[in-house]
Amino acid sequence: MPILSIFFGIVVRMWHDDHPPPHIHVEYQGFEALVDVTTGEVREGRLPSKAATLVREWCLRHQDELMQNWEHAQRFEPMERIPGADQDD
């Protein structure tokens, strides 16, 4: 599963040809969650509150890139890396 971003120890991945709605898979310190790309909300699993907040803010800031990657993933095309929250201005 391709890694889209890593920031503050949070690993963000997206699977090719995954089920809707558009989402990412997030891992942090043994926690795993499925996060909705359009809202940044945890749909399945669990993240510590600080990590969940960072991921939500990052998703909303990078929604266009995430949706482009979702479209690429559905067609089994290469996905682009996205800068982490630690690189955002």
PDB file of N, CA and C in Angstrom:
ATOM      1  N   MET A   1       0.857  -1.174   0.000  1.00  0.00           N
ATOM      2  CA  MET A   1       0.000   0.000   0.000  1.00  0.00           C
ATOM      3  C   MET A   1       0.904   1.238   0.000  1.00  0.00           C
ATOM      4  N   PRO A   2       0.760   2.110  -1.006  1.00  0.00           N
ATOM      5  CA  PRO A   2       1.623   3.286  -1.110  1.00  0.00           C
ATOM      6  C   PRO A   2       1.478   4.246   0.073  1.00  0.00           C
ATOM      7  N   ILE A   3       2.605   4.777   0.498  1.00  0.00           N
ATOM      8  CA  ILE A   3       2.624   5.807   1.541  1.00  0.00           C
ATOM      9  C   ILE A   3       2.465   7.160   0.860  1.00  0.00           C
ATOM     10  N   LEU A   4       1.465   7.919   1.287  1.00  0.00           N
ATOM     11  CA  LEU A   4       1.238   9.256   0.741  1.00  0.00           C
ATOM     12  C   LEU A   4       1.985  10.319   1.524  1.00  0.00           C
ATOM     13  N   SER A   5       2.111  10.113   2.840  1.00  0.00           N
ATOM     14  CA  SER A   5       2.740  11.122   3.675  1.00  0.00           C
ATOM     15  C   SER A   5       3.137  10.517   5.019  1.00  0.00           C
ATOM     16  N   ILE A   6       4.152  11.115   5.610  1.00  0.00           N
ATOM     17  CA  ILE A   6       4.560  10.774   6.977  1.00  0.00           C
ATOM     18  C   ILE A   6       4.843  12.091   7.689  1.00  0.00           C
ATOM     19  N   PHE A   7       4.217  12.290   8.840  1.00  0.00           N
ATOM     20  CA  PHE A   7       4.475  13.494   9.628  1.00  0.00           C
ATOM     21  C   PHE A   7       4.216  13.216  11.103  1.00  0.00           C
ATOM     22  N   PHE A   8       5.109  13.709  11.938  1.00  0.00           N
ATOM     23  CA  PHE A   8       5.009  13.539  13.389  1.00  0.00           C
ATOM     24  C   PHE A   8       4.777  12.080  13.785  1.00  0.00           C
ATOM     25  N   GLY A   9       5.368  11.150  13.034  1.00  0.00           N
ATOM     26  CA  GLY A   9       5.212   9.729  13.324  1.00  0.00           C
ATOM     27  C   GLY A   9       3.929   9.117  12.787  1.00  0.00           C
ATOM     28  N   ILE A  10       3.108   9.914  12.124  1.00  0.00           N
ATOM     29  CA  ILE A  10       1.847   9.452  11.535  1.00  0.00           C
ATOM     30  C   ILE A  10       2.121   9.009  10.101  1.00  0.00           C
ATOM     31  N   VAL A  11       1.710   7.793   9.768  1.00  0.00           N
ATOM     32  CA  VAL A  11       1.897   7.261   8.416  1.00  0.00           C
ATOM     33  C   VAL A  11       0.536   7.226   7.726  1.00  0.00           C
ATOM     34  N   VAL A  12       0.473   7.846   6.545  1.00  0.00           N
ATOM     35  CA  VAL A  12      -0.772   7.933   5.772  1.00  0.00           C
ATOM     36  C   VAL A  12      -0.602   7.119   4.494  1.00  0.00           C
ATOM     37  N   ARG A  13      -1.515   6.173   4.283  1.00  0.00           N
ATOM     38  CA  ARG A  13      -1.466   5.307   3.100  1.00  0.00           C
ATOM     39  C   ARG A  13      -2.810   5.321   2.384  1.00  0.00           C
ATOM     40  N   MET A  14      -2.764   4.882   1.112  1.00  0.00           N
ATOM     41  CA  MET A  14      -3.990   4.706   0.338  1.00  0.00           C
ATOM     42  C   MET A  14      -3.826   3.443  -0.503  1.00  0.00           C
ATOM     43  N   TRP A  15      -4.855   2.616  -0.508  1.00  0.00           N
ATOM     44  CA  TRP A  15      -4.829   1.380  -1.289  1.00  0.00           C
ATOM     45  C   TRP A  15      -5.323   1.637  -2.697  1.00  0.00           C
ATOM     46  N   HIS A  16      -4.809   0.851  -3.642  1.00  0.00           N
ATOM     47  CA  HIS A  16      -5.346   0.871  -5.001  1.00  0.00           C
ATOM     48  C   HIS A  16      -6.693   0.150  -5.015  1.00  0.00           C
ATOM     49  N   ASP A  17      -7.639   0.686  -5.789  1.00  0.00           N
ATOM     50  CA  ASP A  17      -8.957   0.077  -5.998  1.00  0.00           C
ATOM     51  C   ASP A  17      -9.666  -0.261  -4.684  1.00  0.00           C
ATOM     52  N   ASP A  18      -9.594   0.650  -3.714  1.00  0.00           N
ATOM     53  CA  ASP A  18     -10.237   0.442  -2.413  1.00  0.00           C
ATOM     54  C   ASP A  18     -11.722   0.815  -2.509  1.00  0.00           C
ATOM     55  N   HIS A  19     -12.490   0.379  -1.523  1.00  0.00           N
ATOM     56  CA  HIS A  19     -13.937   0.630  -1.490  1.00  0.00           C
ATOM     57  C   HIS A  19     -14.236   2.089  -1.168  1.00  0.00           C
ATOM     58  N   PRO A  20     -15.373   2.622  -1.679  1.00  0.00           N
ATOM     59  CA  PRO A  20     -15.785   3.977  -1.316  1.00  0.00           C
ATOM     60  C   PRO A  20     -16.311   4.010   0.116  1.00  0.00           C
ATOM     61  N   PRO A  21     -16.463   5.175   0.718  1.00  0.00           N
ATOM     62  CA  PRO A  21     -16.121   6.490   0.204  1.00  0.00           C
ATOM     63  C   PRO A  21     -14.608   6.710   0.225  1.00  0.00           C
ATOM     64  N   PRO A  22     -14.130   7.764  -0.461  1.00  0.00           N
ATOM     65  CA  PRO A  22     -12.689   8.041  -0.477  1.00  0.00           C
ATOM     66  C   PRO A  22     -12.139   8.157   0.945  1.00  0.00           C
ATOM     67  N   HIS A  23     -11.063   7.422   1.208  1.00  0.00           N
ATOM     68  CA  HIS A  23     -10.498   7.407   2.554  1.00  0.00           C
ATOM     69  C   HIS A  23      -9.010   7.085   2.511  1.00  0.00           C
ATOM     70  N   ILE A  24      -8.363   7.311   3.632  1.00  0.00           N
ATOM     71  CA  ILE A  24      -6.957   6.963   3.813  1.00  0.00           C
ATOM     72  C   ILE A  24      -6.847   6.018   5.003  1.00  0.00           C
ATOM     73  N   HIS A  25      -5.739   5.319   5.049  1.00  0.00           N
ATOM     74  CA  HIS A  25      -5.422   4.437   6.164  1.00  0.00           C
ATOM     75  C   HIS A  25      -4.298   5.107   6.947  1.00  0.00           C
ATOM     76  N   VAL A  26      -4.504   5.284   8.235  1.00  0.00           N
ATOM     77  CA  VAL A  26      -3.563   6.014   9.074  1.00  0.00           C
ATOM     78  C   VAL A  26      -3.063   5.105  10.184  1.00  0.00           C
ATOM     79  N   GLU A  27      -1.746   5.141  10.412  1.00  0.00           N
ATOM     80  CA  GLU A  27      -1.121   4.392  11.506  1.00  0.00           C
ATOM     81  C   GLU A  27      -0.328   5.362  12.372  1.00  0.00           C
ATOM     82  N   TYR A  28      -0.442   5.171  13.681  1.00  0.00           N
ATOM     83  CA  TYR A  28       0.313   6.005  14.617  1.00  0.00           C
ATOM     84  C   TYR A  28       0.479   5.257  15.933  1.00  0.00           C
ATOM     85  N   GLN A  29       1.712   4.975  16.297  1.00  0.00           N
ATOM     86  CA  GLN A  29       2.057   4.339  17.573  1.00  0.00           C
ATOM     87  C   GLN A  29       1.169   3.145  17.911  1.00  0.00           C
ATOM     88  N   GLY A  30       0.973   2.258  16.949  1.00  0.00           N
ATOM     89  CA  GLY A  30       0.184   1.057  17.178  1.00  0.00           C
ATOM     90  C   GLY A  30      -1.309   1.226  16.963  1.00  0.00           C
ATOM     91  N   PHE A  31      -1.761   2.447  16.767  1.00  0.00           N
ATOM     92  CA  PHE A  31      -3.167   2.713  16.463  1.00  0.00           C
ATOM     93  C   PHE A  31      -3.349   2.693  14.951  1.00  0.00           C
ATOM     94  N   GLU A  32      -4.523   2.269  14.517  1.00  0.00           N
ATOM     95  CA  GLU A  32      -4.856   2.269  13.090  1.00  0.00           C
ATOM     96  C   GLU A  32      -6.258   2.816  12.914  1.00  0.00           C
ATOM     97  N   ALA A  33      -6.434   3.581  11.831  1.00  0.00           N
ATOM     98  CA  ALA A  33      -7.756   4.152  11.562  1.00  0.00           C
ATOM     99  C   ALA A  33      -7.961   4.336  10.070  1.00  0.00           C
ATOM    100  N   LEU A  34      -9.207   4.280   9.691  1.00  0.00           N
ATOM    101  CA  LEU A  34      -9.647   4.599   8.339  1.00  0.00           C
ATOM    102  C   LEU A  34     -10.258   5.992   8.443  1.00  0.00           C
ATOM    103  N   VAL A  35      -9.763   6.945   7.649  1.00  0.00           N
ATOM    104  CA  VAL A  35     -10.172   8.342   7.773  1.00  0.00           C
ATOM    105  C   VAL A  35     -10.793   8.824   6.464  1.00  0.00           C
ATOM    106  N   ASP A  36     -11.971   9.414   6.557  1.00  0.00           N
ATOM    107  CA  ASP A  36     -12.679   9.958   5.402  1.00  0.00           C
ATOM    108  C   ASP A  36     -11.909  11.152   4.843  1.00  0.00           C
ATOM    109  N   VAL A  37     -11.619  11.124   3.544  1.00  0.00           N
ATOM    110  CA  VAL A  37     -10.851  12.185   2.903  1.00  0.00           C
ATOM    111  C   VAL A  37     -11.623  13.500   2.880  1.00  0.00           C
ATOM    112  N   THR A  38     -12.928  13.458   2.733  1.00  0.00           N
ATOM    113  CA  THR A  38     -13.708  14.685   2.581  1.00  0.00           C
ATOM    114  C   THR A  38     -13.964  15.413   3.894  1.00  0.00           C
ATOM    115  N   THR A  39     -13.972  14.683   5.000  1.00  0.00           N
ATOM    116  CA  THR A  39     -14.253  15.314   6.299  1.00  0.00           C
ATOM    117  C   THR A  39     -13.069  15.274   7.255  1.00  0.00           C
ATOM    118  N   GLY A  40     -12.145  14.346   7.023  1.00  0.00           N
ATOM    119  CA  GLY A  40     -11.029  14.161   7.945  1.00  0.00           C
ATOM    120  C   GLY A  40     -11.405  13.401   9.201  1.00  0.00           C
ATOM    121  N   GLU A  41     -12.618  12.877   9.252  1.00  0.00           N
ATOM    122  CA  GLU A  41     -13.100  12.164  10.436  1.00  0.00           C
ATOM    123  C   GLU A  41     -12.720  10.688  10.391  1.00  0.00           C
ATOM    124  N   VAL A  42     -12.418  10.132  11.563  1.00  0.00           N
ATOM    125  CA  VAL A  42     -12.134   8.704  11.689  1.00  0.00           C
ATOM    126  C   VAL A  42     -13.437   7.943  11.474  1.00  0.00           C
ATOM    127  N   ARG A  43     -13.433   7.007  10.503  1.00  0.00           N
ATOM    128  CA  ARG A  43     -14.619   6.196  10.199  1.00  0.00           C
ATOM    129  C   ARG A  43     -14.558   4.840  10.881  1.00  0.00           C
ATOM    130  N   GLU A  44     -13.354   4.298  10.964  1.00  0.00           N
ATOM    131  CA  GLU A  44     -13.143   3.002  11.618  1.00  0.00           C
ATOM    132  C   GLU A  44     -11.827   3.072  12.370  1.00  0.00           C
ATOM    133  N   GLY A  45     -11.727   2.284  13.412  1.00  0.00           N
ATOM    134  CA  GLY A  45     -10.496   2.252  14.191  1.00  0.00           C
ATOM    135  C   GLY A  45     -10.424   3.413  15.159  1.00  0.00           C
ATOM    136  N   ARG A  46      -9.195   3.727  15.573  1.00  0.00           N
ATOM    137  CA  ARG A  46      -9.022   4.750  16.607  1.00  0.00           C
ATOM    138  C   ARG A  46      -7.647   5.378  16.491  1.00  0.00           C
ATOM    139  N   LEU A  47      -7.570   6.670  16.790  1.00  0.00           N
ATOM    140  CA  LEU A  47      -6.318   7.406  16.902  1.00  0.00           C
ATOM    141  C   LEU A  47      -6.372   8.229  18.183  1.00  0.00           C
ATOM    142  N   PRO A  48      -5.223   8.460  18.826  1.00  0.00           N
ATOM    143  CA  PRO A  48      -5.225   9.390  19.958  1.00  0.00           C
ATOM    144  C   PRO A  48      -5.749  10.756  19.485  1.00  0.00           C
ATOM    145  N   SER A  49      -6.358  11.502  20.384  1.00  0.00           N
ATOM    146  CA  SER A  49      -7.040  12.739  19.991  1.00  0.00           C
ATOM    147  C   SER A  49      -6.121  13.733  19.285  1.00  0.00           C
ATOM    148  N   LYS A  50      -4.890  13.897  19.749  1.00  0.00           N
ATOM    149  CA  LYS A  50      -3.962  14.845  19.107  1.00  0.00           C
ATOM    150  C   LYS A  50      -3.649  14.403  17.681  1.00  0.00           C
ATOM    151  N   ALA A  51      -3.400  13.114  17.481  1.00  0.00           N
ATOM    152  CA  ALA A  51      -3.118  12.593  16.141  1.00  0.00           C
ATOM    153  C   ALA A  51      -4.346  12.743  15.252  1.00  0.00           C
ATOM    154  N   ALA A  52      -5.531  12.465  15.784  1.00  0.00           N
ATOM    155  CA  ALA A  52      -6.765  12.598  15.006  1.00  0.00           C
ATOM    156  C   ALA A  52      -6.965  14.045  14.558  1.00  0.00           C
ATOM    157  N   THR A  53      -6.667  14.993  15.429  1.00  0.00           N
ATOM    158  CA  THR A  53      -6.789  16.410  15.079  1.00  0.00           C
ATOM    159  C   THR A  53      -5.801  16.784  13.983  1.00  0.00           C
ATOM    160  N   LEU A  54      -4.549  16.342  14.118  1.00  0.00           N
ATOM    161  CA  LEU A  54      -3.543  16.620  13.089  1.00  0.00           C
ATOM    162  C   LEU A  54      -3.954  16.040  11.741  1.00  0.00           C
ATOM    163  N   VAL A  55      -4.447  14.812  11.744  1.00  0.00           N
ATOM    164  CA  VAL A  55      -4.864  14.157  10.504  1.00  0.00           C
ATOM    165  C   VAL A  55      -6.063  14.874   9.897  1.00  0.00           C
ATOM    166  N   ARG A  56      -7.040  15.237  10.712  1.00  0.00           N
ATOM    167  CA  ARG A  56      -8.228  15.940  10.207  1.00  0.00           C
ATOM    168  C   ARG A  56      -7.825  17.263   9.542  1.00  0.00           C
ATOM    169  N   GLU A  57      -7.001  18.049  10.220  1.00  0.00           N
ATOM    170  CA  GLU A  57      -6.568  19.334   9.664  1.00  0.00           C
ATOM    171  C   GLU A  57      -5.770  19.131   8.382  1.00  0.00           C
ATOM    172  N   TRP A  58      -4.907  18.115   8.372  1.00  0.00           N
ATOM    173  CA  TRP A  58      -4.093  17.812   7.194  1.00  0.00           C
ATOM    174  C   TRP A  58      -4.988  17.395   6.026  1.00  0.00           C
ATOM    175  N   CYS A  59      -5.974  16.540   6.275  1.00  0.00           N
ATOM    176  CA  CYS A  59      -6.908  16.099   5.222  1.00  0.00           C
ATOM    177  C   CYS A  59      -7.628  17.289   4.599  1.00  0.00           C
ATOM    178  N   LEU A  60      -8.126  18.166   5.417  1.00  0.00           N
ATOM    179  CA  LEU A  60      -8.875  19.310   4.906  1.00  0.00           C
ATOM    180  C   LEU A  60      -7.968  20.242   4.106  1.00  0.00           C
ATOM    181  N   ARG A  61      -6.727  20.400   4.541  1.00  0.00           N
ATOM    182  CA  ARG A  61      -5.768  21.251   3.846  1.00  0.00           C
ATOM    183  C   ARG A  61      -5.350  20.651   2.501  1.00  0.00           C
ATOM    184  N   HIS A  62      -5.331  19.327   2.416  1.00  0.00           N
ATOM    185  CA  HIS A  62      -4.839  18.646   1.213  1.00  0.00           C
ATOM    186  C   HIS A  62      -5.936  17.838   0.513  1.00  0.00           C
ATOM    187  N   GLN A  63      -7.157  18.285   0.649  1.00  0.00           N
ATOM    188  CA  GLN A  63      -8.285  17.537   0.096  1.00  0.00           C
ATOM    189  C   GLN A  63      -8.182  17.345  -1.417  1.00  0.00           C
ATOM    190  N   ASP A  64      -7.762  18.370  -2.146  1.00  0.00           N
ATOM    191  CA  ASP A  64      -7.649  18.242  -3.606  1.00  0.00           C
ATOM    192  C   ASP A  64      -6.636  17.171  -3.990  1.00  0.00           C
ATOM    193  N   GLU A  65      -5.461  17.203  -3.351  1.00  0.00           N
ATOM    194  CA  GLU A  65      -4.431  16.199  -3.654  1.00  0.00           C
ATOM    195  C   GLU A  65      -4.893  14.799  -3.271  1.00  0.00           C
ATOM    196  N   LEU A  66      -5.586  14.686  -2.149  1.00  0.00           N
ATOM    197  CA  LEU A  66      -6.085  13.383  -1.718  1.00  0.00           C
ATOM    198  C   LEU A  66      -7.118  12.840  -2.697  1.00  0.00           C
ATOM    199  N   MET A  67      -8.009  13.692  -3.169  1.00  0.00           N
ATOM    200  CA  MET A  67      -9.017  13.239  -4.129  1.00  0.00           C
ATOM    201  C   MET A  67      -8.381  12.870  -5.467  1.00  0.00           C
ATOM    202  N   GLN A  68      -7.355  13.608  -5.886  1.00  0.00           N
ATOM    203  CA  GLN A  68      -6.632  13.233  -7.108  1.00  0.00           C
ATOM    204  C   GLN A  68      -5.983  11.867  -6.933  1.00  0.00           C
ATOM    205  N   ASN A  69      -5.367  11.645  -5.788  1.00  0.00           N
ATOM    206  CA  ASN A  69      -4.755  10.343  -5.521  1.00  0.00           C
ATOM    207  C   ASN A  69      -5.811   9.244  -5.474  1.00  0.00           C
ATOM    208  N   TRP A  70      -6.985   9.540  -4.915  1.00  0.00           N
ATOM    209  CA  TRP A  70      -8.064   8.546  -4.881  1.00  0.00           C
ATOM    210  C   TRP A  70      -8.428   8.124  -6.307  1.00  0.00           C
ATOM    211  N   GLU A  71      -8.557   9.113  -7.199  1.00  0.00           N
ATOM    212  CA  GLU A  71      -8.876   8.808  -8.596  1.00  0.00           C
ATOM    213  C   GLU A  71      -7.767   7.969  -9.236  1.00  0.00           C
ATOM    214  N   HIS A  72      -6.521   8.326  -8.987  1.00  0.00           N
ATOM    215  CA  HIS A  72      -5.396   7.534  -9.508  1.00  0.00           C
ATOM    216  C   HIS A  72      -5.449   6.112  -8.960  1.00  0.00           C
ATOM    217  N   ALA A  73      -5.731   5.982  -7.683  1.00  0.00           N
ATOM    218  CA  ALA A  73      -5.758   4.658  -7.044  1.00  0.00           C
ATOM    219  C   ALA A  73      -6.843   3.779  -7.647  1.00  0.00           C
ATOM    220  N   GLN A  74      -7.981   4.369  -7.982  1.00  0.00           N
ATOM    221  CA  GLN A  74      -9.071   3.588  -8.570  1.00  0.00           C
ATOM    222  C   GLN A  74      -8.702   3.042  -9.945  1.00  0.00           C
ATOM    223  N   ARG A  75      -7.765   3.724 -10.624  1.00  0.00           N
ATOM    224  CA  ARG A  75      -7.327   3.292 -11.956  1.00  0.00           C
ATOM    225  C   ARG A  75      -5.975   2.562 -11.904  1.00  0.00           C
ATOM    226  N   PHE A  76      -5.519   2.241 -10.693  1.00  0.00           N
ATOM    227  CA  PHE A  76      -4.229   1.564 -10.495  1.00  0.00           C
ATOM    228  C   PHE A  76      -3.067   2.377 -11.063  1.00  0.00           C
ATOM    229  N   GLU A  77      -3.171   3.696 -10.999  1.00  0.00           N
ATOM    230  CA  GLU A  77      -2.112   4.588 -11.459  1.00  0.00           C
ATOM    231  C   GLU A  77      -1.252   5.000 -10.269  1.00  0.00           C
ATOM    232  N   PRO A  78      -0.013   5.427 -10.524  1.00  0.00           N
ATOM    233  CA  PRO A  78       0.845   5.880  -9.426  1.00  0.00           C
ATOM    234  C   PRO A  78       0.226   7.081  -8.709  1.00  0.00           C
ATOM    235  N   MET A  79       0.432   7.124  -7.408  1.00  0.00           N
ATOM    236  CA  MET A  79      -0.063   8.236  -6.601  1.00  0.00           C
ATOM    237  C   MET A  79       1.094   9.151  -6.239  1.00  0.00           C
ATOM    238  N   GLU A  80       0.763  10.400  -5.962  1.00  0.00           N
ATOM    239  CA  GLU A  80       1.758  11.407  -5.609  1.00  0.00           C
ATOM    240  C   GLU A  80       1.896  11.525  -4.096  1.00  0.00           C
ATOM    241  N   ARG A  81       3.131  11.732  -3.640  1.00  0.00           N
ATOM    242  CA  ARG A  81       3.353  12.030  -2.218  1.00  0.00           C
ATOM    243  C   ARG A  81       2.777  13.410  -1.922  1.00  0.00           C
ATOM    244  N   ILE A  82       2.342  13.594  -0.683  1.00  0.00           N
ATOM    245  CA  ILE A  82       1.770  14.862  -0.232  1.00  0.00           C
ATOM    246  C   ILE A  82       2.593  15.335   0.959  1.00  0.00           C
ATOM    247  N   PRO A  83       2.981  16.618   0.985  1.00  0.00           N
ATOM    248  CA  PRO A  83       3.751  17.112   2.128  1.00  0.00           C
ATOM    249  C   PRO A  83       3.008  16.869   3.440  1.00  0.00           C
ATOM    250  N   GLY A  84       3.757  16.561   4.474  1.00  0.00           N
ATOM    251  CA  GLY A  84       3.172  16.322   5.783  1.00  0.00           C
ATOM    252  C   GLY A  84       2.797  17.605   6.490  1.00  0.00           C
ATOM    253  N   ALA A  85       2.043  17.472   7.559  1.00  0.00           N
ATOM    254  CA  ALA A  85       1.618  18.630   8.351  1.00  0.00           C
ATOM    255  C   ALA A  85       2.818  19.378   8.915  1.00  0.00           C
ATOM    256  N   ASP A  86       3.930  18.679   9.094  1.00  0.00           N
ATOM    257  CA  ASP A  86       5.134  19.328   9.604  1.00  0.00           C
ATOM    258  C   ASP A  86       5.820  20.174   8.536  1.00  0.00           C
ATOM    259  N   GLN A  87       5.349  20.102   7.290  1.00  0.00           N
ATOM    260  CA  GLN A  87       5.907  20.896   6.192  1.00  0.00           C
ATOM    261  C   GLN A  87       4.940  21.958   5.703  1.00  0.00           C
ATOM    262  N   ASP A  88       3.718  21.971   6.220  1.00  0.00           N
ATOM    263  CA  ASP A  88       2.725  22.969   5.815  1.00  0.00           C
ATOM    264  C   ASP A  88       3.046  24.303   6.464  1.00  0.00           C
ATOM    265  N   ASP A  89       2.718  25.371   5.741  1.00  0.00           N
ATOM    266  CA  ASP A  89       2.917  26.714   6.305  1.00  0.00           C
ATOM    267  C   ASP A  89       1.699  27.163   7.061  1.00  0.00           C
TER     268      ASP A  89
END
